């Protein structure tokens, strides 16, 4: 059996596994580092068949900061997640994430993603923020 890859050291190392995971879930039209106000959404994706959108905030350890950003992203996305290395899962307050409707994706040393908490549909999404992103990705 091959040895697991070394630990994940940088946030950028989370992007490729999360992108592949989103594609497997039907979110094939993707944009990394999408500007939204003074932030950059690490991964924004659209499911062309359903028209639904997801936003994912990647963090190495500071899940609370990721949650604050994710709450803002609920203005432009149907579903919002934070993604962390699986080694940080024990420190996350999933009840807090759930209260805000934010999902949790964990990335293992094998670079495979596991859904630890499903996101709920954002009641805060505003079409005037969401629509331009969907249209941009639809033409991609």
C-alpha atoms as a PDB file:
ATOM      1  CA  UNK A   1       0.000   0.000   0.000  1.00  0.00           C
ATOM      2  CA  UNK A   2       1.477   3.401  -0.945  1.00  0.00           C
ATOM      3  CA  UNK A   3       2.388   5.749   1.865  1.00  0.00           C
ATOM      4  CA  UNK A   4       0.030   8.688   2.368  1.00  0.00           C
ATOM      5  CA  UNK A   5       1.134  12.014   0.974  1.00  0.00           C
ATOM      6  CA  UNK A   6       2.799  14.391   3.373  1.00  0.00           C
ATOM      7  CA  UNK A   7       0.579  16.616   5.449  1.00  0.00           C
ATOM      8  CA  UNK A   8      -1.159  19.569   3.878  1.00  0.00           C
ATOM      9  CA  UNK A   9       0.935  22.639   4.618  1.00  0.00           C
ATOM     10  CA  UNK A  10      -0.686  25.429   2.600  1.00  0.00           C
ATOM     11  CA  UNK A  11      -4.233  26.540   1.906  1.00  0.00           C
ATOM     12  CA  UNK A  12      -3.577  26.327  -1.839  1.00  0.00           C
ATOM     13  CA  UNK A  13      -3.156  22.562  -1.477  1.00  0.00           C
ATOM     14  CA  UNK A  14      -6.825  22.284  -0.533  1.00  0.00           C
ATOM     15  CA  UNK A  15      -8.091  23.839  -3.761  1.00  0.00           C
ATOM     16  CA  UNK A  16      -7.491  20.977  -6.225  1.00  0.00           C
ATOM     17  CA  UNK A  17      -9.112  18.274  -4.054  1.00  0.00           C
ATOM     18  CA  UNK A  18     -12.107  20.499  -3.256  1.00  0.00           C
ATOM     19  CA  UNK A  19     -12.456  21.442  -6.926  1.00  0.00           C
ATOM     20  CA  UNK A  20     -12.497  17.761  -7.934  1.00  0.00           C
ATOM     21  CA  UNK A  21     -15.030  17.020  -5.178  1.00  0.00           C
ATOM     22  CA  UNK A  22     -17.313  19.842  -6.394  1.00  0.00           C
ATOM     23  CA  UNK A  23     -17.089  18.564  -9.979  1.00  0.00           C
ATOM     24  CA  UNK A  24     -18.094  15.069  -8.828  1.00  0.00           C
ATOM     25  CA  UNK A  25     -21.121  16.660  -7.129  1.00  0.00           C
ATOM     26  CA  UNK A  26     -22.144  18.295 -10.412  1.00  0.00           C
ATOM     27  CA  UNK A  27     -20.598  21.748  -9.985  1.00  0.00           C
ATOM     28  CA  UNK A  28     -18.487  21.746 -13.115  1.00  0.00           C
ATOM     29  CA  UNK A  29     -18.348  25.460 -13.955  1.00  0.00           C
ATOM     30  CA  UNK A  30     -15.824  26.848 -11.467  1.00  0.00           C
ATOM     31  CA  UNK A  31     -13.893  29.986 -10.664  1.00  0.00           C
ATOM     32  CA  UNK A  32     -11.106  30.245  -8.082  1.00  0.00           C
ATOM     33  CA  UNK A  33     -10.389  33.440  -6.137  1.00  0.00           C
ATOM     34  CA  UNK A  34     -13.607  35.148  -7.193  1.00  0.00           C
ATOM     35  CA  UNK A  35     -13.729  38.747  -5.894  1.00  0.00           C
ATOM     36  CA  UNK A  36     -16.666  39.560  -3.610  1.00  0.00           C
ATOM     37  CA  UNK A  37     -16.484  42.887  -1.805  1.00  0.00           C
ATOM     38  CA  UNK A  38     -13.066  42.991  -0.097  1.00  0.00           C
ATOM     39  CA  UNK A  39     -12.836  39.184  -0.045  1.00  0.00           C
ATOM     40  CA  UNK A  40     -11.937  36.493  -2.549  1.00  0.00           C
ATOM     41  CA  UNK A  41     -14.107  33.388  -2.590  1.00  0.00           C
ATOM     42  CA  UNK A  42     -11.632  30.523  -2.796  1.00  0.00           C
ATOM     43  CA  UNK A  43     -13.922  28.416  -4.998  1.00  0.00           C
ATOM     44  CA  UNK A  44     -17.226  29.430  -6.560  1.00  0.00           C
ATOM     45  CA  UNK A  45     -19.050  26.910  -8.726  1.00  0.00           C
ATOM     46  CA  UNK A  46     -22.282  26.484 -10.638  1.00  0.00           C
ATOM     47  CA  UNK A  47     -24.182  23.351 -11.550  1.00  0.00           C
ATOM     48  CA  UNK A  48     -25.253  24.025 -15.133  1.00  0.00           C
ATOM     49  CA  UNK A  49     -28.131  21.488 -14.997  1.00  0.00           C
ATOM     50  CA  UNK A  50     -29.689  22.856 -11.780  1.00  0.00           C
ATOM     51  CA  UNK A  51     -28.361  26.412 -11.789  1.00  0.00           C
ATOM     52  CA  UNK A  52     -27.431  26.062  -8.124  1.00  0.00           C
ATOM     53  CA  UNK A  53     -24.246  27.650  -6.825  1.00  0.00           C
ATOM     54  CA  UNK A  54     -21.735  26.837  -4.110  1.00  0.00           C
ATOM     55  CA  UNK A  55     -19.034  28.922  -2.489  1.00  0.00           C
ATOM     56  CA  UNK A  56     -16.188  27.338  -0.551  1.00  0.00           C
ATOM     57  CA  UNK A  57     -13.821  29.078   1.845  1.00  0.00           C
ATOM     58  CA  UNK A  58     -10.538  27.189   2.338  1.00  0.00           C
ATOM     59  CA  UNK A  59      -8.677  27.506   5.617  1.00  0.00           C
ATOM     60  CA  UNK A  60      -5.800  25.653   7.196  1.00  0.00           C
ATOM     61  CA  UNK A  61      -6.931  26.109  10.799  1.00  0.00           C
ATOM     62  CA  UNK A  62      -8.936  29.226  11.617  1.00  0.00           C
ATOM     63  CA  UNK A  63     -12.431  27.845  11.109  1.00  0.00           C
ATOM     64  CA  UNK A  64     -14.051  30.805  12.894  1.00  0.00           C
ATOM     65  CA  UNK A  65     -12.585  33.252  10.389  1.00  0.00           C
ATOM     66  CA  UNK A  66     -13.722  30.934   7.600  1.00  0.00           C
ATOM     67  CA  UNK A  67     -17.230  30.952   9.101  1.00  0.00           C
ATOM     68  CA  UNK A  68     -17.337  34.755   9.148  1.00  0.00           C
ATOM     69  CA  UNK A  69     -16.367  34.838   5.474  1.00  0.00           C
ATOM     70  CA  UNK A  70     -18.785  32.024   4.599  1.00  0.00           C
ATOM     71  CA  UNK A  71     -21.691  33.930   6.146  1.00  0.00           C
ATOM     72  CA  UNK A  72     -20.908  36.868   3.841  1.00  0.00           C
ATOM     73  CA  UNK A  73     -20.766  34.519   0.838  1.00  0.00           C
ATOM     74  CA  UNK A  74     -24.353  33.468   1.558  1.00  0.00           C
ATOM     75  CA  UNK A  75     -25.325  36.723  -0.166  1.00  0.00           C
ATOM     76  CA  UNK A  76     -24.127  35.395  -3.540  1.00  0.00           C
ATOM     77  CA  UNK A  77     -24.356  31.608  -3.312  1.00  0.00           C
ATOM     78  CA  UNK A  78     -27.087  29.040  -2.738  1.00  0.00           C
ATOM     79  CA  UNK A  79     -24.888  26.813  -0.572  1.00  0.00           C
ATOM     80  CA  UNK A  80     -21.736  27.731   1.318  1.00  0.00           C
ATOM     81  CA  UNK A  81     -19.030  25.488   2.763  1.00  0.00           C
ATOM     82  CA  UNK A  82     -15.747  25.788   4.555  1.00  0.00           C
ATOM     83  CA  UNK A  83     -13.013  23.275   3.781  1.00  0.00           C
ATOM     84  CA  UNK A  84     -10.268  22.301   6.208  1.00  0.00           C
ATOM     85  CA  UNK A  85      -7.650  19.574   6.544  1.00  0.00           C
ATOM     86  CA  UNK A  86      -9.175  16.568   8.290  1.00  0.00           C
ATOM     87  CA  UNK A  87      -6.610  16.969  11.091  1.00  0.00           C
ATOM     88  CA  UNK A  88      -8.424  20.163  12.157  1.00  0.00           C
ATOM     89  CA  UNK A  89     -11.890  18.594  12.286  1.00  0.00           C
ATOM     90  CA  UNK A  90     -11.816  18.080  16.047  1.00  0.00           C
ATOM     91  CA  UNK A  91     -11.643  21.790  16.829  1.00  0.00           C
ATOM     92  CA  UNK A  92     -14.603  22.823  14.643  1.00  0.00           C
ATOM     93  CA  UNK A  93     -17.908  23.569  16.346  1.00  0.00           C
ATOM     94  CA  UNK A  94     -20.211  21.911  13.827  1.00  0.00           C
ATOM     95  CA  UNK A  95     -23.270  23.056  15.802  1.00  0.00           C
ATOM     96  CA  UNK A  96     -22.172  26.648  15.169  1.00  0.00           C
ATOM     97  CA  UNK A  97     -21.725  25.957  11.465  1.00  0.00           C
ATOM     98  CA  UNK A  98     -25.108  24.269  11.335  1.00  0.00           C
ATOM     99  CA  UNK A  99     -26.803  27.240  13.042  1.00  0.00           C
ATOM    100  CA  UNK A 100     -25.600  29.397  10.172  1.00  0.00           C
ATOM    101  CA  UNK A 101     -26.342  26.845   7.434  1.00  0.00           C
ATOM    102  CA  UNK A 102     -22.669  26.487   6.504  1.00  0.00           C
ATOM    103  CA  UNK A 103     -21.390  23.068   5.468  1.00  0.00           C
ATOM    104  CA  UNK A 104     -18.023  21.469   6.202  1.00  0.00           C
ATOM    105  CA  UNK A 105     -15.742  19.621   3.783  1.00  0.00           C
ATOM    106  CA  UNK A 106     -12.691  17.845   5.181  1.00  0.00           C
ATOM    107  CA  UNK A 107      -9.615  17.111   3.072  1.00  0.00           C
ATOM    108  CA  UNK A 108      -7.573  14.058   4.055  1.00  0.00           C
ATOM    109  CA  UNK A 109      -3.873  13.386   3.637  1.00  0.00           C
ATOM    110  CA  UNK A 110      -4.791  11.282   0.613  1.00  0.00           C
ATOM    111  CA  UNK A 111      -6.284  14.492  -0.879  1.00  0.00           C
ATOM    112  CA  UNK A 112      -9.778  13.008  -0.851  1.00  0.00           C
ATOM    113  CA  UNK A 113     -12.691  15.083   0.415  1.00  0.00           C
ATOM    114  CA  UNK A 114     -15.359  14.008   2.838  1.00  0.00           C
ATOM    115  CA  UNK A 115     -18.555  15.900   3.547  1.00  0.00           C
ATOM    116  CA  UNK A 116     -18.698  16.290   7.325  1.00  0.00           C
ATOM    117  CA  UNK A 117     -21.700  18.643   7.417  1.00  0.00           C
ATOM    118  CA  UNK A 118     -24.204  19.456   4.681  1.00  0.00           C
ATOM    119  CA  UNK A 119     -24.946  23.106   3.981  1.00  0.00           C
ATOM    120  CA  UNK A 120     -28.505  24.381   3.950  1.00  0.00           C
ATOM    121  CA  UNK A 121     -29.818  26.628   1.183  1.00  0.00           C
ATOM    122  CA  UNK A 122     -29.037  30.250   1.928  1.00  0.00           C
ATOM    123  CA  UNK A 123     -32.046  32.411   2.707  1.00  0.00           C
ATOM    124  CA  UNK A 124     -29.780  35.449   2.374  1.00  0.00           C
ATOM    125  CA  UNK A 125     -28.810  35.039  -1.290  1.00  0.00           C
ATOM    126  CA  UNK A 126     -29.397  38.161  -3.365  1.00  0.00           C
ATOM    127  CA  UNK A 127     -29.894  37.663  -7.090  1.00  0.00           C
ATOM    128  CA  UNK A 128     -28.149  40.931  -7.928  1.00  0.00           C
ATOM    129  CA  UNK A 129     -24.955  39.459  -6.455  1.00  0.00           C
ATOM    130  CA  UNK A 130     -25.490  35.869  -7.613  1.00  0.00           C
ATOM    131  CA  UNK A 131     -26.693  36.408 -11.206  1.00  0.00           C
ATOM    132  CA  UNK A 132     -23.517  38.013 -12.644  1.00  0.00           C
ATOM    133  CA  UNK A 133     -21.405  35.120 -11.349  1.00  0.00           C
ATOM    134  CA  UNK A 134     -23.778  32.511 -12.767  1.00  0.00           C
ATOM    135  CA  UNK A 135     -23.835  34.283 -16.137  1.00  0.00           C
ATOM    136  CA  UNK A 136     -20.036  34.563 -16.178  1.00  0.00           C
ATOM    137  CA  UNK A 137     -19.610  30.849 -15.462  1.00  0.00           C
ATOM    138  CA  UNK A 138     -22.374  29.833 -17.870  1.00  0.00           C
ATOM    139  CA  UNK A 139     -20.392  31.287 -20.724  1.00  0.00           C
ATOM    140  CA  UNK A 140     -17.180  29.560 -19.619  1.00  0.00           C
END
